[in-house]
Amino acid sequence: MSIVGAIRLRARRRRAHLRAFVKRRELTPVVDRSPKIVPHAILLLSTVRNERVRLPFFLRYYRDLGVDHFLFVDNDSTDGTREYLAEQPDVSIWTTDASYKASHFGMDWLTHLQRRYCHGHWCLTVDVDEFLVYPFCETRPLRALTDWLDASAVRSFSAMLLDMYPKGPVQARPYHEGQNPFEIAQWFDSGNYTINRNFWNNNLWIQGGPRARMFFPDTPYSAPALNKIPLVNWDRSYAYVSSTHMLLPRGLNLVFDEWGGEKASGCLLHAKFLDTFAVKAAEEMTRGQHYANSQEYTAYQKALASQPDLWCKFSEKYINWRQLEILGLMSKGNWA
């Protein structure tokens, strides 16, 4: 990269930090338990709005993996999300009624929390419908993964977003609070993905899966990106610059091996397609707070009117992480 290019990327990262510094004023603490964060604790950050029904399983899942403390930003929920999270002993929560879109879709708020609380910690940044699966996750806690990454001098860990869906119409089976969503959304696309390299940012760009074939059949390159880097050994000089799709400095995006081997990676099982999705899509269309004038939610709402079935004869039923490795959707690399 040229000197000019490096200067531009450094300036972009500084702008992200400056936005976070300004946007911190929009956050009001509800319950701040951050003094309980111990050295080397594994942290999780998320922005939420009206996700009360999803939270019990989400918290249980990540507690079982080994997350020590949760940092939430509540964007003006009206369904009890804020109150529920405030009662949890391992949660710190801030609230805001400011624009999600104007905060770079919540990332400015999270960048402030990352700079203030996450320096020196392994941090997961995920949505409440994203569930990390990594090599040996059934038998090894998240701490085993981060210890191995530390020993290997690896600072970031990638995970492909894998859209999960039920067999039959999305609205057909009701989801209940505390339920494992993958009792309903058991299926995924084993293929139908495109991968391109972004040389400017050193990251991979992945698209496809059921959202591309069902909601963007005529414009697949408008489908959402599926590449994410959710787990990072955080330093206050870092910044996400496009949701969790890529970071700066750009060396953190080198989560693939250029010399023919494979680096360890995981998947984020994406439990978006439950019966609650239609209501969520309608709400987000009304709010208009998402990327590109909410064109993604426009496509969702249009297709959902016909009660679509995302399942097809090529769908795979989820078993475990080893299945995903065999299919080439994740890798254990040289972690034995």
C-alpha atoms as a PDB file:
ATOM      1  CA  MET A   1       0.000   0.000   0.000  1.00  0.00           C
ATOM      2  CA  SER A   2       1.202   3.512  -0.771  1.00  0.00           C
ATOM      3  CA  ILE A   3       1.974   6.059   1.924  1.00  0.00           C
ATOM      4  CA  VAL A   4      -1.046   8.083   0.785  1.00  0.00           C
ATOM      5  CA  GLY A   5      -3.286   5.033   1.142  1.00  0.00           C
ATOM      6  CA  ALA A   6      -1.978   4.315   4.635  1.00  0.00           C
ATOM      7  CA  ILE A   7      -2.605   7.931   5.641  1.00  0.00           C
ATOM      8  CA  ARG A   8      -6.180   7.736   4.360  1.00  0.00           C
ATOM      9  CA  LEU A   9      -6.901   4.566   6.339  1.00  0.00           C
ATOM     10  CA  ARG A  10      -5.400   6.084   9.466  1.00  0.00           C
ATOM     11  CA  ALA A  11      -7.573   9.158   8.996  1.00  0.00           C
ATOM     12  CA  ARG A  12     -10.637   6.942   8.561  1.00  0.00           C
ATOM     13  CA  ARG A  13      -9.889   5.198  11.838  1.00  0.00           C
ATOM     14  CA  ARG A  14      -9.446   8.521  13.626  1.00  0.00           C
ATOM     15  CA  ARG A  15     -12.785   9.706  12.267  1.00  0.00           C
ATOM     16  CA  ALA A  16     -14.403   6.581  13.720  1.00  0.00           C
ATOM     17  CA  HIS A  17     -12.854   7.359  17.106  1.00  0.00           C
ATOM     18  CA  LEU A  18     -13.950  10.985  16.884  1.00  0.00           C
ATOM     19  CA  ARG A  19     -17.522  10.009  16.049  1.00  0.00           C
ATOM     20  CA  ALA A  20     -17.547   7.647  19.029  1.00  0.00           C
ATOM     21  CA  PHE A  21     -16.260  10.416  21.294  1.00  0.00           C
ATOM     22  CA  VAL A  22     -19.054  12.736  20.146  1.00  0.00           C
ATOM     23  CA  LYS A  23     -21.790  10.081  20.217  1.00  0.00           C
ATOM     24  CA  ARG A  24     -20.928   9.030  23.774  1.00  0.00           C
ATOM     25  CA  ARG A  25     -23.112  11.938  24.904  1.00  0.00           C
ATOM     26  CA  GLU A  26     -26.158  10.124  23.503  1.00  0.00           C
ATOM     27  CA  LEU A  27     -25.686   7.226  25.927  1.00  0.00           C
ATOM     28  CA  THR A  28     -27.284   7.239  29.371  1.00  0.00           C
ATOM     29  CA  PRO A  29     -26.231   4.483  31.783  1.00  0.00           C
ATOM     30  CA  VAL A  30     -29.075   2.336  33.090  1.00  0.00           C
ATOM     31  CA  VAL A  31     -26.892  -0.015  35.134  1.00  0.00           C
ATOM     32  CA  ASP A  32     -23.100   0.182  34.897  1.00  0.00           C
ATOM     33  CA  ARG A  33     -21.482  -2.905  36.393  1.00  0.00           C
ATOM     34  CA  SER A  34     -18.231  -2.415  34.470  1.00  0.00           C
ATOM     35  CA  PRO A  35     -16.201  -2.140  37.732  1.00  0.00           C
ATOM     36  CA  LYS A  36     -16.875  -5.890  38.079  1.00  0.00           C
ATOM     37  CA  ILE A  37     -14.909  -6.592  34.878  1.00  0.00           C
ATOM     38  CA  VAL A  38     -11.759  -8.446  35.918  1.00  0.00           C
ATOM     39  CA  PRO A  39      -8.485  -8.576  33.958  1.00  0.00           C
ATOM     40  CA  HIS A  40      -8.641 -10.947  30.979  1.00  0.00           C
ATOM     41  CA  ALA A  41     -12.432 -11.217  31.153  1.00  0.00           C
ATOM     42  CA  ILE A  42     -14.112 -12.125  27.864  1.00  0.00           C
ATOM     43  CA  LEU A  43     -16.641  -9.439  26.950  1.00  0.00           C
ATOM     44  CA  LEU A  44     -19.609  -9.290  24.595  1.00  0.00           C
ATOM     45  CA  LEU A  45     -21.071  -6.121  23.070  1.00  0.00           C
ATOM     46  CA  SER A  46     -24.378  -5.655  21.275  1.00  0.00           C
ATOM     47  CA  THR A  47     -26.880  -2.988  20.281  1.00  0.00           C
ATOM     48  CA  VAL A  48     -30.491  -4.043  20.846  1.00  0.00           C
ATOM     49  CA  ARG A  49     -34.020  -2.820  20.258  1.00  0.00           C
ATOM     50  CA  ASN A  50     -37.162  -4.718  21.258  1.00  0.00           C
ATOM     51  CA  GLU A  51     -35.458  -8.097  21.608  1.00  0.00           C
ATOM     52  CA  ARG A  52     -36.925  -9.196  24.941  1.00  0.00           C
ATOM     53  CA  VAL A  53     -38.123 -12.578  23.658  1.00  0.00           C
ATOM     54  CA  ARG A  54     -34.665 -13.505  22.345  1.00  0.00           C
ATOM     55  CA  LEU A  55     -32.566 -12.449  25.323  1.00  0.00           C
ATOM     56  CA  PRO A  56     -32.920 -15.388  27.768  1.00  0.00           C
ATOM     57  CA  PHE A  57     -31.514 -17.937  25.317  1.00  0.00           C
ATOM     58  CA  PHE A  58     -28.925 -15.494  23.943  1.00  0.00           C
ATOM     59  CA  LEU A  59     -27.520 -14.796  27.414  1.00  0.00           C
ATOM     60  CA  ARG A  60     -27.563 -18.462  28.391  1.00  0.00           C
ATOM     61  CA  TYR A  61     -25.816 -19.504  25.181  1.00  0.00           C
ATOM     62  CA  TYR A  62     -22.930 -17.067  25.590  1.00  0.00           C
ATOM     63  CA  ARG A  63     -22.634 -17.586  29.340  1.00  0.00           C
ATOM     64  CA  ASP A  64     -22.245 -21.295  28.646  1.00  0.00           C
ATOM     65  CA  LEU A  65     -19.509 -20.536  26.097  1.00  0.00           C
ATOM     66  CA  GLY A  66     -17.646 -18.491  28.691  1.00  0.00           C
ATOM     67  CA  VAL A  67     -18.513 -14.814  28.225  1.00  0.00           C
ATOM     68  CA  ASP A  68     -17.825 -13.039  31.524  1.00  0.00           C
ATOM     69  CA  HIS A  69     -19.581  -9.700  31.035  1.00  0.00           C
ATOM     70  CA  PHE A  70     -22.072  -8.192  28.589  1.00  0.00           C
ATOM     71  CA  LEU A  71     -22.150  -4.563  27.425  1.00  0.00           C
ATOM     72  CA  PHE A  72     -25.444  -3.565  25.799  1.00  0.00           C
ATOM     73  CA  VAL A  73     -26.717  -0.391  24.172  1.00  0.00           C
ATOM     74  CA  ASP A  74     -30.515  -0.293  24.184  1.00  0.00           C
ATOM     75  CA  ASN A  75     -31.919   1.852  21.379  1.00  0.00           C
ATOM     76  CA  ASP A  76     -35.203   2.988  22.933  1.00  0.00           C
ATOM     77  CA  SER A  77     -36.872  -0.399  23.409  1.00  0.00           C
ATOM     78  CA  THR A  78     -40.549  -0.500  24.349  1.00  0.00           C
ATOM     79  CA  ASP A  79     -40.982  -4.221  25.086  1.00  0.00           C
ATOM     80  CA  GLY A  80     -39.130  -4.583  28.398  1.00  0.00           C
ATOM     81  CA  THR A  81     -35.699  -5.289  26.892  1.00  0.00           C
ATOM     82  CA  ARG A  82     -34.006  -2.555  28.907  1.00  0.00           C
ATOM     83  CA  GLU A  83     -35.617  -3.561  32.195  1.00  0.00           C
ATOM     84  CA  TYR A  84     -34.821  -7.236  31.719  1.00  0.00           C
ATOM     85  CA  LEU A  85     -31.161  -6.587  30.944  1.00  0.00           C
ATOM     86  CA  ALA A  86     -30.830  -4.216  33.901  1.00  0.00           C
ATOM     87  CA  GLU A  87     -31.724  -7.122  36.216  1.00  0.00           C
ATOM     88  CA  GLN A  88     -28.927  -9.383  34.961  1.00  0.00           C
ATOM     89  CA  PRO A  89     -25.896  -9.478  37.306  1.00  0.00           C
ATOM     90  CA  ASP A  90     -23.306  -9.763  34.512  1.00  0.00           C
ATOM     91  CA  VAL A  91     -24.760  -7.021  32.282  1.00  0.00           C
ATOM     92  CA  SER A  92     -23.971  -3.334  31.942  1.00  0.00           C
ATOM     93  CA  ILE A  93     -26.480  -1.416  29.857  1.00  0.00           C
ATOM     94  CA  TRP A  94     -26.755   2.069  28.401  1.00  0.00           C
ATOM     95  CA  THR A  95     -29.813   3.496  26.677  1.00  0.00           C
ATOM     96  CA  THR A  96     -30.383   6.061  23.942  1.00  0.00           C
ATOM     97  CA  ASP A  97     -33.278   7.323  21.854  1.00  0.00           C
ATOM     98  CA  ALA A  98     -30.901   8.803  19.256  1.00  0.00           C
ATOM     99  CA  SER A  99     -30.816   7.750  15.609  1.00  0.00           C
ATOM    100  CA  TYR A 100     -29.454   4.268  14.946  1.00  0.00           C
ATOM    101  CA  LYS A 101     -28.664   5.269  11.375  1.00  0.00           C
ATOM    102  CA  ALA A 102     -26.823   8.446  12.388  1.00  0.00           C
ATOM    103  CA  SER A 103     -24.644   6.413  14.761  1.00  0.00           C
ATOM    104  CA  HIS A 104     -23.389   4.320  11.834  1.00  0.00           C
ATOM    105  CA  PHE A 105     -25.958   1.665  12.712  1.00  0.00           C
ATOM    106  CA  GLY A 106     -24.966   1.542  16.356  1.00  0.00           C
ATOM    107  CA  MET A 107     -21.228   1.142  15.786  1.00  0.00           C
ATOM    108  CA  ASP A 108     -20.341   4.629  17.074  1.00  0.00           C
ATOM    109  CA  TRP A 109     -21.930   3.758  20.422  1.00  0.00           C
ATOM    110  CA  LEU A 110     -20.157   0.411  20.601  1.00  0.00           C
ATOM    111  CA  THR A 111     -16.831   1.938  19.567  1.00  0.00           C
ATOM    112  CA  HIS A 112     -17.062   4.249  22.568  1.00  0.00           C
ATOM    113  CA  LEU A 113     -17.676   1.278  24.894  1.00  0.00           C
ATOM    114  CA  GLN A 114     -14.866  -0.700  23.261  1.00  0.00           C
ATOM    115  CA  ARG A 115     -12.386   2.139  23.726  1.00  0.00           C
ATOM    116  CA  ARG A 116     -13.416   2.707  27.325  1.00  0.00           C
ATOM    117  CA  TYR A 117     -13.925  -0.824  28.666  1.00  0.00           C
ATOM    118  CA  CYS A 118     -12.471  -3.393  26.272  1.00  0.00           C
ATOM    119  CA  HIS A 119      -8.766  -2.535  25.939  1.00  0.00           C
ATOM    120  CA  GLY A 120      -6.776  -5.716  26.590  1.00  0.00           C
ATOM    121  CA  HIS A 121      -9.816  -8.006  26.510  1.00  0.00           C
ATOM    122  CA  TRP A 122     -11.041 -10.530  23.976  1.00  0.00           C
ATOM    123  CA  CYS A 123     -14.371  -9.108  22.813  1.00  0.00           C
ATOM    124  CA  LEU A 124     -17.282 -10.532  20.874  1.00  0.00           C
ATOM    125  CA  THR A 125     -19.391  -8.017  18.963  1.00  0.00           C
ATOM    126  CA  VAL A 126     -22.593  -9.669  17.744  1.00  0.00           C
ATOM    127  CA  ASP A 127     -26.307  -9.109  17.218  1.00  0.00           C
ATOM    128  CA  VAL A 128     -28.762 -10.946  19.445  1.00  0.00           C
ATOM    129  CA  ASP A 129     -29.702 -13.292  16.601  1.00  0.00           C
ATOM    130  CA  GLU A 130     -26.080 -14.368  15.995  1.00  0.00           C
ATOM    131  CA  PHE A 131     -24.607 -17.417  17.740  1.00  0.00           C
ATOM    132  CA  LEU A 132     -20.907 -18.188  17.431  1.00  0.00           C
ATOM    133  CA  VAL A 133     -19.865 -21.722  16.532  1.00  0.00           C
ATOM    134  CA  TYR A 134     -16.109 -22.435  16.474  1.00  0.00           C
ATOM    135  CA  PRO A 135     -13.937 -25.575  16.277  1.00  0.00           C
ATOM    136  CA  PHE A 136     -14.489 -27.907  19.250  1.00  0.00           C
ATOM    137  CA  CYS A 137     -17.120 -25.550  20.711  1.00  0.00           C
ATOM    138  CA  GLU A 138     -19.097 -28.465  22.166  1.00  0.00           C
ATOM    139  CA  THR A 139     -16.150 -29.505  24.365  1.00  0.00           C
ATOM    140  CA  ARG A 140     -13.895 -26.442  24.682  1.00  0.00           C
ATOM    141  CA  PRO A 141     -14.939 -23.090  26.171  1.00  0.00           C
ATOM    142  CA  LEU A 142     -14.335 -19.791  24.465  1.00  0.00           C
ATOM    143  CA  ARG A 143     -11.339 -19.274  26.769  1.00  0.00           C
ATOM    144  CA  ALA A 144      -9.607 -22.262  25.155  1.00  0.00           C
ATOM    145  CA  LEU A 145     -10.004 -20.610  21.758  1.00  0.00           C
ATOM    146  CA  THR A 146      -8.741 -17.209  22.898  1.00  0.00           C
ATOM    147  CA  ASP A 147      -5.789 -18.794  24.738  1.00  0.00           C
ATOM    148  CA  TRP A 148      -4.841 -20.634  21.549  1.00  0.00           C
ATOM    149  CA  LEU A 149      -5.196 -17.462  19.493  1.00  0.00           C
ATOM    150  CA  ASP A 150      -2.982 -15.625  21.984  1.00  0.00           C
ATOM    151  CA  ALA A 151      -0.364 -18.377  21.803  1.00  0.00           C
ATOM    152  CA  SER A 152      -0.499 -18.175  18.009  1.00  0.00           C
ATOM    153  CA  ALA A 153      -0.152 -14.351  18.042  1.00  0.00           C
ATOM    154  CA  VAL A 154      -3.525 -14.022  16.294  1.00  0.00           C
ATOM    155  CA  ARG A 155      -5.559 -10.925  17.181  1.00  0.00           C
ATOM    156  CA  SER A 156      -8.844 -11.542  15.346  1.00  0.00           C
ATOM    157  CA  PHE A 157     -11.103 -14.467  14.501  1.00  0.00           C
ATOM    158  CA  SER A 158     -13.515 -14.531  11.582  1.00  0.00           C
ATOM    159  CA  ALA A 159     -16.900 -16.199  11.299  1.00  0.00           C
ATOM    160  CA  MET A 160     -19.131 -16.530   8.265  1.00  0.00           C
ATOM    161  CA  LEU A 161     -22.739 -15.549   8.898  1.00  0.00           C
ATOM    162  CA  LEU A 162     -24.799 -18.664   8.193  1.00  0.00           C
ATOM    163  CA  ASP A 163     -28.495 -17.962   7.715  1.00  0.00           C
ATOM    164  CA  MET A 164     -30.606 -20.626   9.427  1.00  0.00           C
ATOM    165  CA  TYR A 165     -34.254 -21.208   8.515  1.00  0.00           C
ATOM    166  CA  PRO A 166     -37.160 -23.600   9.164  1.00  0.00           C
ATOM    167  CA  LYS A 167     -38.704 -26.075   6.751  1.00  0.00           C
ATOM    168  CA  GLY A 168     -41.994 -24.508   5.764  1.00  0.00           C
ATOM    169  CA  PRO A 169     -43.187 -20.885   5.982  1.00  0.00           C
ATOM    170  CA  VAL A 170     -41.171 -18.721   8.357  1.00  0.00           C
ATOM    171  CA  GLN A 171     -44.319 -17.653  10.233  1.00  0.00           C
ATOM    172  CA  ALA A 172     -45.663 -21.195  10.700  1.00  0.00           C
ATOM    173  CA  ARG A 173     -43.987 -22.158  13.991  1.00  0.00           C
ATOM    174  CA  PRO A 174     -44.132 -19.728  16.939  1.00  0.00           C
ATOM    175  CA  TYR A 175     -40.940 -18.993  18.829  1.00  0.00           C
ATOM    176  CA  HIS A 176     -41.213 -18.938  22.636  1.00  0.00           C
ATOM    177  CA  GLU A 177     -39.079 -16.978  25.077  1.00  0.00           C
ATOM    178  CA  GLY A 178     -36.087 -19.005  26.257  1.00  0.00           C
ATOM    179  CA  GLN A 179     -36.386 -21.521  23.423  1.00  0.00           C
ATOM    180  CA  ASN A 180     -33.371 -22.603  21.408  1.00  0.00           C
ATOM    181  CA  PRO A 181     -34.140 -20.955  18.027  1.00  0.00           C
ATOM    182  CA  PHE A 182     -32.410 -23.797  16.203  1.00  0.00           C
ATOM    183  CA  GLU A 183     -35.134 -26.162  17.283  1.00  0.00           C
ATOM    184  CA  ILE A 184     -37.133 -24.270  14.639  1.00  0.00           C
ATOM    185  CA  ALA A 185     -34.500 -22.859  12.262  1.00  0.00           C
ATOM    186  CA  GLN A 186     -32.606 -26.109  11.649  1.00  0.00           C
ATOM    187  CA  TRP A 187     -31.629 -25.717   8.000  1.00  0.00           C
ATOM    188  CA  PHE A 188     -29.007 -23.797   6.000  1.00  0.00           C
ATOM    189  CA  ASP A 189     -27.561 -23.508   2.493  1.00  0.00           C
ATOM    190  CA  SER A 190     -24.408 -25.594   2.127  1.00  0.00           C
ATOM    191  CA  GLY A 191     -23.409 -23.848  -1.105  1.00  0.00           C
ATOM    192  CA  ASN A 192     -24.598 -20.906  -3.193  1.00  0.00           C
ATOM    193  CA  TYR A 193     -21.937 -18.480  -1.918  1.00  0.00           C
ATOM    194  CA  THR A 194     -19.604 -16.074  -3.705  1.00  0.00           C
ATOM    195  CA  ILE A 195     -16.320 -14.856  -2.240  1.00  0.00           C
ATOM    196  CA  ASN A 196     -14.330 -11.830  -3.373  1.00  0.00           C
ATOM    197  CA  ARG A 197     -11.254 -10.221  -1.895  1.00  0.00           C
ATOM    198  CA  ASN A 198     -11.219  -6.541  -1.026  1.00  0.00           C
ATOM    199  CA  PHE A 199      -7.576  -5.619  -1.613  1.00  0.00           C
ATOM    200  CA  TRP A 200      -7.974  -2.148  -0.121  1.00  0.00           C
ATOM    201  CA  ASN A 201      -9.119  -3.438   3.270  1.00  0.00           C
ATOM    202  CA  ASN A 202      -7.532  -6.920   3.129  1.00  0.00           C
ATOM    203  CA  ASN A 203     -10.827  -8.648   3.864  1.00  0.00           C
ATOM    204  CA  LEU A 204     -12.999 -11.197   2.110  1.00  0.00           C
ATOM    205  CA  TRP A 205     -16.512 -10.283   0.938  1.00  0.00           C
ATOM    206  CA  ILE A 206     -18.992 -13.164   1.065  1.00  0.00           C
ATOM    207  CA  GLN A 207     -22.558 -13.121  -0.254  1.00  0.00           C
ATOM    208  CA  GLY A 208     -25.218 -15.646  -1.110  1.00  0.00           C
ATOM    209  CA  GLY A 209     -27.263 -18.182   0.821  1.00  0.00           C
ATOM    210  CA  PRO A 210     -31.040 -18.111   1.271  1.00  0.00           C
ATOM    211  CA  ARG A 211     -31.294 -14.326   1.446  1.00  0.00           C
ATOM    212  CA  ALA A 212     -29.630 -13.921  -1.939  1.00  0.00           C
ATOM    213  CA  ARG A 213     -31.723 -16.601  -3.671  1.00  0.00           C
ATOM    214  CA  MET A 214     -35.052 -15.697  -2.048  1.00  0.00           C
ATOM    215  CA  PHE A 215     -35.000 -11.942  -1.434  1.00  0.00           C
ATOM    216  CA  PHE A 216     -32.470 -10.742  -4.041  1.00  0.00           C
ATOM    217  CA  PRO A 217     -32.822 -13.244  -6.912  1.00  0.00           C
ATOM    218  CA  ASP A 218     -32.391 -10.608  -9.620  1.00  0.00           C
ATOM    219  CA  THR A 219     -29.702  -8.564  -7.861  1.00  0.00           C
ATOM    220  CA  PRO A 220     -27.607 -11.049  -5.836  1.00  0.00           C
ATOM    221  CA  TYR A 221     -24.807  -8.526  -5.367  1.00  0.00           C
ATOM    222  CA  SER A 222     -27.252  -6.386  -3.381  1.00  0.00           C
ATOM    223  CA  ALA A 223     -27.644  -9.209  -0.859  1.00  0.00           C
ATOM    224  CA  PRO A 224     -26.203  -8.673   2.640  1.00  0.00           C
ATOM    225  CA  ALA A 225     -22.534  -9.418   3.299  1.00  0.00           C
ATOM    226  CA  LEU A 226     -21.928 -12.619   5.249  1.00  0.00           C
ATOM    227  CA  ASN A 227     -18.275 -12.096   6.228  1.00  0.00           C
ATOM    228  CA  LYS A 228     -17.748 -11.008   9.827  1.00  0.00           C
ATOM    229  CA  ILE A 229     -14.884 -10.653  12.299  1.00  0.00           C
ATOM    230  CA  PRO A 230     -16.755 -10.803  15.599  1.00  0.00           C
ATOM    231  CA  LEU A 231     -13.986 -11.882  18.000  1.00  0.00           C
ATOM    232  CA  VAL A 232     -11.061  -9.522  18.539  1.00  0.00           C
ATOM    233  CA  ASN A 233      -8.362  -9.087  21.156  1.00  0.00           C
ATOM    234  CA  TRP A 234      -9.272  -5.452  21.554  1.00  0.00           C
ATOM    235  CA  ASP A 235      -6.988  -2.460  21.637  1.00  0.00           C
ATOM    236  CA  ARG A 236      -8.375   1.052  22.061  1.00  0.00           C
ATOM    237  CA  SER A 237      -6.681   2.052  18.793  1.00  0.00           C
ATOM    238  CA  TYR A 238      -8.895  -0.363  16.813  1.00  0.00           C
ATOM    239  CA  ALA A 239     -12.215   0.445  15.154  1.00  0.00           C
ATOM    240  CA  TYR A 240     -14.849  -1.372  13.161  1.00  0.00           C
ATOM    241  CA  VAL A 241     -15.559   0.585   9.988  1.00  0.00           C
ATOM    242  CA  SER A 242     -18.396  -1.391   8.382  1.00  0.00           C
ATOM    243  CA  SER A 243     -20.470  -3.084  11.050  1.00  0.00           C
ATOM    244  CA  THR A 244     -18.347  -6.117  12.020  1.00  0.00           C
ATOM    245  CA  HIS A 245     -17.449  -6.856   8.400  1.00  0.00           C
ATOM    246  CA  MET A 246     -14.048  -5.208   8.656  1.00  0.00           C
ATOM    247  CA  LEU A 247     -11.724  -3.370  11.029  1.00  0.00           C
ATOM    248  CA  LEU A 248      -8.869  -0.930  11.108  1.00  0.00           C
ATOM    249  CA  PRO A 249      -5.940  -1.329  11.194  1.00  0.00           C
ATOM    250  CA  ARG A 250      -6.509  -3.482   8.160  1.00  0.00           C
ATOM    251  CA  GLY A 251      -4.091  -6.208   9.311  1.00  0.00           C
ATOM    252  CA  LEU A 252      -6.921  -7.419  11.554  1.00  0.00           C
ATOM    253  CA  ASN A 253      -8.856  -8.372   8.412  1.00  0.00           C
ATOM    254  CA  LEU A 254      -6.226 -10.905   7.296  1.00  0.00           C
ATOM    255  CA  VAL A 255      -8.178 -13.856   8.594  1.00  0.00           C
ATOM    256  CA  PHE A 256      -7.298 -16.118   5.659  1.00  0.00           C
ATOM    257  CA  ASP A 257      -3.995 -17.707   4.626  1.00  0.00           C
ATOM    258  CA  GLU A 258      -2.584 -16.366   1.375  1.00  0.00           C
ATOM    259  CA  TRP A 259      -0.224 -19.320   0.946  1.00  0.00           C
ATOM    260  CA  GLY A 260      -2.718 -22.102   0.404  1.00  0.00           C
ATOM    261  CA  GLY A 261      -3.467 -23.207   3.954  1.00  0.00           C
ATOM    262  CA  GLU A 262      -6.453 -22.390   6.099  1.00  0.00           C
ATOM    263  CA  LYS A 263      -6.653 -20.240   9.195  1.00  0.00           C
ATOM    264  CA  ALA A 264      -9.041 -21.241  11.941  1.00  0.00           C
ATOM    265  CA  SER A 265     -12.477 -19.708  11.538  1.00  0.00           C
ATOM    266  CA  GLY A 266     -16.023 -20.183  12.750  1.00  0.00           C
ATOM    267  CA  CYS A 267     -19.614 -19.506  11.804  1.00  0.00           C
ATOM    268  CA  LEU A 268     -22.264 -17.250  13.244  1.00  0.00           C
ATOM    269  CA  LEU A 269     -25.520 -19.194  13.155  1.00  0.00           C
ATOM    270  CA  HIS A 270     -28.028 -16.509  12.202  1.00  0.00           C
ATOM    271  CA  ALA A 271     -31.459 -17.008  13.765  1.00  0.00           C
ATOM    272  CA  LYS A 272     -33.203 -14.178  11.926  1.00  0.00           C
ATOM    273  CA  PHE A 273     -35.890 -16.268  10.271  1.00  0.00           C
ATOM    274  CA  LEU A 274     -38.348 -16.983  13.079  1.00  0.00           C
ATOM    275  CA  ASP A 275     -42.039 -16.078  13.223  1.00  0.00           C
ATOM    276  CA  THR A 276     -41.060 -12.795  14.948  1.00  0.00           C
ATOM    277  CA  PHE A 277     -39.287 -11.671  11.777  1.00  0.00           C
ATOM    278  CA  ALA A 278     -42.337 -10.298   9.938  1.00  0.00           C
ATOM    279  CA  VAL A 279     -43.180  -7.918  12.777  1.00  0.00           C
ATOM    280  CA  LYS A 280     -39.528  -6.874  13.044  1.00  0.00           C
ATOM    281  CA  ALA A 281     -39.286  -6.203   9.315  1.00  0.00           C
ATOM    282  CA  ALA A 282     -42.430  -4.076   9.353  1.00  0.00           C
ATOM    283  CA  GLU A 283     -41.133  -2.066  12.318  1.00  0.00           C
ATOM    284  CA  GLU A 284     -37.769  -1.441  10.695  1.00  0.00           C
ATOM    285  CA  MET A 285     -39.419  -0.373   7.452  1.00  0.00           C
ATOM    286  CA  THR A 286     -41.396   2.226   9.385  1.00  0.00           C
ATOM    287  CA  ARG A 287     -38.329   3.440  11.265  1.00  0.00           C
ATOM    288  CA  GLY A 288     -36.132   3.663   8.145  1.00  0.00           C
ATOM    289  CA  GLN A 289     -32.978   3.358  10.232  1.00  0.00           C
ATOM    290  CA  HIS A 290     -31.084   0.743   8.228  1.00  0.00           C
ATOM    291  CA  TYR A 291     -28.439   0.790   5.523  1.00  0.00           C
ATOM    292  CA  ALA A 292     -29.231   2.060   1.983  1.00  0.00           C
ATOM    293  CA  ASN A 293     -32.660   3.408   2.901  1.00  0.00           C
ATOM    294  CA  SER A 294     -33.605   0.012   4.360  1.00  0.00           C
ATOM    295  CA  GLN A 295     -33.573  -1.658   0.920  1.00  0.00           C
ATOM    296  CA  GLU A 296     -32.843  -4.984   2.632  1.00  0.00           C
ATOM    297  CA  TYR A 297     -36.000  -4.711   4.743  1.00  0.00           C
ATOM    298  CA  THR A 298     -37.977  -3.553   1.710  1.00  0.00           C
ATOM    299  CA  ALA A 299     -37.048  -6.831   0.014  1.00  0.00           C
ATOM    300  CA  TYR A 300     -37.924  -8.801   3.151  1.00  0.00           C
ATOM    301  CA  GLN A 301     -41.340  -7.231   3.580  1.00  0.00           C
ATOM    302  CA  LYS A 302     -42.250  -7.712  -0.066  1.00  0.00           C
ATOM    303  CA  ALA A 303     -41.325 -11.406  -0.023  1.00  0.00           C
ATOM    304  CA  LEU A 304     -42.805 -12.160   3.403  1.00  0.00           C
ATOM    305  CA  ALA A 305     -46.266 -11.192   2.171  1.00  0.00           C
ATOM    306  CA  SER A 306     -46.358 -14.468   0.221  1.00  0.00           C
ATOM    307  CA  GLN A 307     -45.452 -16.637   3.256  1.00  0.00           C
ATOM    308  CA  PRO A 308     -42.187 -17.890   1.671  1.00  0.00           C
ATOM    309  CA  ASP A 309     -40.525 -21.214   2.399  1.00  0.00           C
ATOM    310  CA  LEU A 310     -36.738 -20.761   2.421  1.00  0.00           C
ATOM    311  CA  TRP A 311     -36.187 -24.523   2.405  1.00  0.00           C
ATOM    312  CA  CYS A 312     -35.201 -26.173  -0.856  1.00  0.00           C
ATOM    313  CA  LYS A 313     -34.043 -29.638  -1.904  1.00  0.00           C
ATOM    314  CA  PHE A 314     -30.417 -28.563  -1.486  1.00  0.00           C
ATOM    315  CA  SER A 315     -30.893 -27.425   2.132  1.00  0.00           C
ATOM    316  CA  GLU A 316     -28.759 -29.086   4.820  1.00  0.00           C
ATOM    317  CA  LYS A 317     -29.971 -29.845   8.339  1.00  0.00           C
ATOM    318  CA  TYR A 318     -27.546 -28.556  10.968  1.00  0.00           C
ATOM    319  CA  ILE A 319     -25.740 -31.176  13.064  1.00  0.00           C
ATOM    320  CA  ASN A 320     -22.553 -29.657  14.522  1.00  0.00           C
ATOM    321  CA  TRP A 321     -19.405 -27.659  13.781  1.00  0.00           C
ATOM    322  CA  ARG A 322     -17.653 -30.643  12.180  1.00  0.00           C
ATOM    323  CA  GLN A 323     -20.355 -30.750   9.527  1.00  0.00           C
ATOM    324  CA  LEU A 324     -19.669 -27.081   8.739  1.00  0.00           C
ATOM    325  CA  GLU A 325     -15.939 -27.782   8.457  1.00  0.00           C
ATOM    326  CA  ILE A 326     -16.532 -30.708   6.075  1.00  0.00           C
ATOM    327  CA  LEU A 327     -18.680 -28.402   3.915  1.00  0.00           C
ATOM    328  CA  GLY A 328     -15.888 -25.796   3.857  1.00  0.00           C
ATOM    329  CA  LEU A 329     -17.853 -23.128   5.724  1.00  0.00           C
ATOM    330  CA  MET A 330     -15.395 -22.949   8.634  1.00  0.00           C
ATOM    331  CA  SER A 331     -12.000 -24.399   9.565  1.00  0.00           C
ATOM    332  CA  LYS A 332     -10.091 -25.572  12.602  1.00  0.00           C
ATOM    333  CA  GLY A 333      -6.832 -24.624  10.853  1.00  0.00           C
ATOM    334  CA  ASN A 334      -3.921 -26.081  12.799  1.00  0.00           C
ATOM    335  CA  TRP A 335      -5.778 -26.067  16.139  1.00  0.00           C
ATOM    336  CA  ALA A 336      -5.733 -29.673  17.255  1.00  0.00           C
END
